[in-house]
């Protein structure tokens, strides 16, 4: 039964999660110069309307084009002062604690689209590095089998 479940998850998961939380900067080295932020990525071939969506319980909006990114920053102007990005930056009063946190992305029907847990022991705590999602298909496979 487990091999069948693994095959089904491999087939379904990439299509099920078009929007993923892709990067997290939770502990910039200098909080007076930089801001906390996270990046979402649209892994789909269709644009997605974010109206009514929430990240960490806070409302977001806008349209994220197919195969495009959006930065969600506590202070979008401060972010743009220090980073030259080609995607839109959405201002949302997110709080990314330095010790760790579970972040949830919900669609307009309050369905969980993506969720990420990070912990300070993973690194990127106060050293101006960020956490980046890698190989998300295997992460979801692991999560759904063992959670």
Protein backbone atom coordinates (compact mmCIF):
# COMPACT_ATOMS: atom_id res chain seq x y z
CA UNK A 1 0.00 0.00 0.00
CA UNK A 2 2.82 2.45 0.83
CA UNK A 3 4.42 2.21 -2.64
CA UNK A 4 1.06 3.04 -4.22
CA UNK A 5 0.66 6.01 -1.87
CA UNK A 6 4.14 7.25 -2.76
CA UNK A 7 3.40 7.05 -6.49
CA UNK A 8 0.07 8.85 -6.07
CA UNK A 9 1.66 11.60 -4.01
CA UNK A 10 4.42 12.08 -6.56
CA UNK A 11 1.81 12.49 -9.27
CA UNK A 12 -0.54 14.76 -7.34
CA UNK A 13 1.63 17.01 -5.21
CA UNK A 14 3.26 19.17 -7.87
CA UNK A 15 -0.14 20.05 -9.31
CA UNK A 16 -1.76 20.54 -5.92
CA UNK A 17 0.60 23.27 -4.72
CA UNK A 18 0.96 25.83 -7.47
CA UNK A 19 1.94 28.56 -5.00
CA UNK A 20 4.74 27.73 -2.57
CA UNK A 21 6.62 29.61 0.12
CA UNK A 22 10.02 29.69 -1.51
CA UNK A 23 12.37 31.76 0.69
CA UNK A 24 12.33 33.15 4.22
CA UNK A 25 14.47 35.93 5.74
CA UNK A 26 13.50 35.85 9.39
CA UNK A 27 16.56 37.36 11.11
CA UNK A 28 18.37 40.06 9.14
CA UNK A 29 21.71 41.04 10.63
CA UNK A 30 20.67 44.68 11.04
CA UNK A 31 16.95 45.21 11.58
CA UNK A 32 17.26 48.99 11.28
CA UNK A 33 18.53 48.62 7.70
CA UNK A 34 16.79 45.47 6.54
CA UNK A 35 13.40 43.91 6.97
CA UNK A 36 11.96 40.46 7.44
CA UNK A 37 10.53 39.02 4.25
CA UNK A 38 9.46 35.89 2.49
CA UNK A 39 9.04 34.96 -1.13
CA UNK A 40 6.23 33.01 -2.76
CA UNK A 41 6.50 31.35 -6.15
CA UNK A 42 3.81 30.43 -8.67
CA UNK A 43 4.84 27.04 -10.01
CA UNK A 44 1.80 26.89 -12.31
CA UNK A 45 1.20 27.75 -15.96
CA UNK A 46 -1.74 30.00 -14.97
CA UNK A 47 -1.82 33.36 -13.22
CA UNK A 48 -3.23 33.24 -9.68
CA UNK A 49 -5.38 35.97 -8.11
CA UNK A 50 -4.29 36.38 -4.48
CA UNK A 51 -7.35 38.42 -3.48
CA UNK A 52 -8.63 37.09 -0.17
CA UNK A 53 -5.52 34.99 0.45
CA UNK A 54 -3.65 35.12 3.77
CA UNK A 55 -0.06 34.57 4.78
CA UNK A 56 0.48 33.96 8.48
CA UNK A 57 -3.11 35.13 9.05
CA UNK A 58 -2.52 38.49 7.30
CA UNK A 59 -4.36 39.46 4.10
CA UNK A 60 -2.52 39.66 0.80
CA UNK A 61 -3.77 40.55 -2.66
CA UNK A 62 -2.65 41.04 -6.23
CA UNK A 63 -2.00 38.70 -9.09
CA UNK A 64 1.03 36.45 -9.30
CA UNK A 65 1.83 35.52 -12.87
CA UNK A 66 2.66 31.99 -13.95
CA UNK A 67 6.26 31.06 -13.11
CA UNK A 68 6.72 34.31 -11.17
CA UNK A 69 7.55 35.43 -7.64
CA UNK A 70 6.21 37.89 -5.07
CA UNK A 71 8.10 39.19 -2.08
CA UNK A 72 6.06 39.70 1.07
CA UNK A 73 7.87 42.13 3.34
CA UNK A 74 7.13 43.75 6.66
CA UNK A 75 8.41 47.00 5.14
CA UNK A 76 8.29 46.99 1.35
CA UNK A 77 10.03 50.37 0.98
CA UNK A 78 12.92 49.31 3.21
CA UNK A 79 13.19 46.08 1.24
CA UNK A 80 13.34 47.93 -2.09
CA UNK A 81 16.04 50.29 -0.76
CA UNK A 82 18.40 47.34 -0.37
CA UNK A 83 17.35 44.75 -2.92
CA UNK A 84 16.92 45.14 -6.66
CA UNK A 85 14.18 42.69 -7.59
CA UNK A 86 12.09 42.37 -10.72
CA UNK A 87 8.97 41.08 -8.95
CA UNK A 88 6.35 42.98 -6.95
CA UNK A 89 6.88 43.50 -3.23
CA UNK A 90 3.73 43.28 -1.11
CA UNK A 91 3.67 45.06 2.26
CA UNK A 92 2.23 42.79 4.95
CA UNK A 93 2.77 43.16 8.70
CA UNK A 94 4.33 39.72 9.05
CA UNK A 95 6.22 38.75 12.19
CA UNK A 96 8.93 36.16 11.63
CA UNK A 97 10.35 35.20 15.01
CA UNK A 98 14.04 34.43 15.31
CA UNK A 99 13.46 31.23 17.29
CA UNK A 100 11.25 29.55 14.69
CA UNK A 101 7.70 29.56 13.45
CA UNK A 102 5.07 27.81 11.40
CA UNK A 103 3.95 29.96 8.44
CA UNK A 104 0.76 29.15 6.59
CA UNK A 105 -0.44 30.33 3.18
CA UNK A 106 -4.23 30.11 2.82
CA UNK A 107 -6.33 30.75 -0.27
CA UNK A 108 -9.56 32.80 -0.38
CA UNK A 109 -11.53 29.76 0.82
CA UNK A 110 -9.15 29.41 3.82
CA UNK A 111 -7.69 26.18 2.41
CA UNK A 112 -4.03 25.66 3.35
CA UNK A 113 -2.04 26.01 0.14
CA UNK A 114 1.41 25.78 1.71
CA UNK A 115 2.89 25.66 5.19
CA UNK A 116 6.49 25.91 6.30
CA UNK A 117 8.06 25.44 9.68
CA UNK A 118 11.50 26.92 10.28
CA UNK A 119 13.74 26.78 13.32
CA UNK A 120 16.73 28.91 14.31
CA UNK A 121 18.88 25.77 14.53
CA UNK A 122 18.63 25.52 10.73
CA UNK A 123 20.90 28.55 10.36
CA UNK A 124 20.25 31.93 8.79
CA UNK A 125 19.71 33.40 12.25
CA UNK A 126 21.24 36.88 12.33
CA UNK A 127 23.85 36.24 9.64
CA UNK A 128 21.95 37.87 6.75
CA UNK A 129 21.30 34.53 5.07
CA UNK A 130 17.87 33.27 4.16
CA UNK A 131 16.21 29.88 4.10
CA UNK A 132 15.43 28.61 0.61
CA UNK A 133 13.08 25.81 -0.39
CA UNK A 134 14.81 23.11 -2.35
CA UNK A 135 13.24 20.08 -3.94
CA UNK A 136 9.79 20.79 -2.55
CA UNK A 137 8.24 17.67 -4.08
CA UNK A 138 10.32 15.48 -1.78
CA UNK A 139 9.52 17.71 1.21
CA UNK A 140 5.78 17.28 0.64
CA UNK A 141 6.19 13.58 0.03
CA UNK A 142 8.04 13.22 3.33
CA UNK A 143 5.50 15.42 5.12
CA UNK A 144 2.45 13.51 3.90
CA UNK A 145 3.92 10.07 4.55
CA UNK A 146 5.31 10.71 8.03
CA UNK A 147 3.09 13.47 9.44
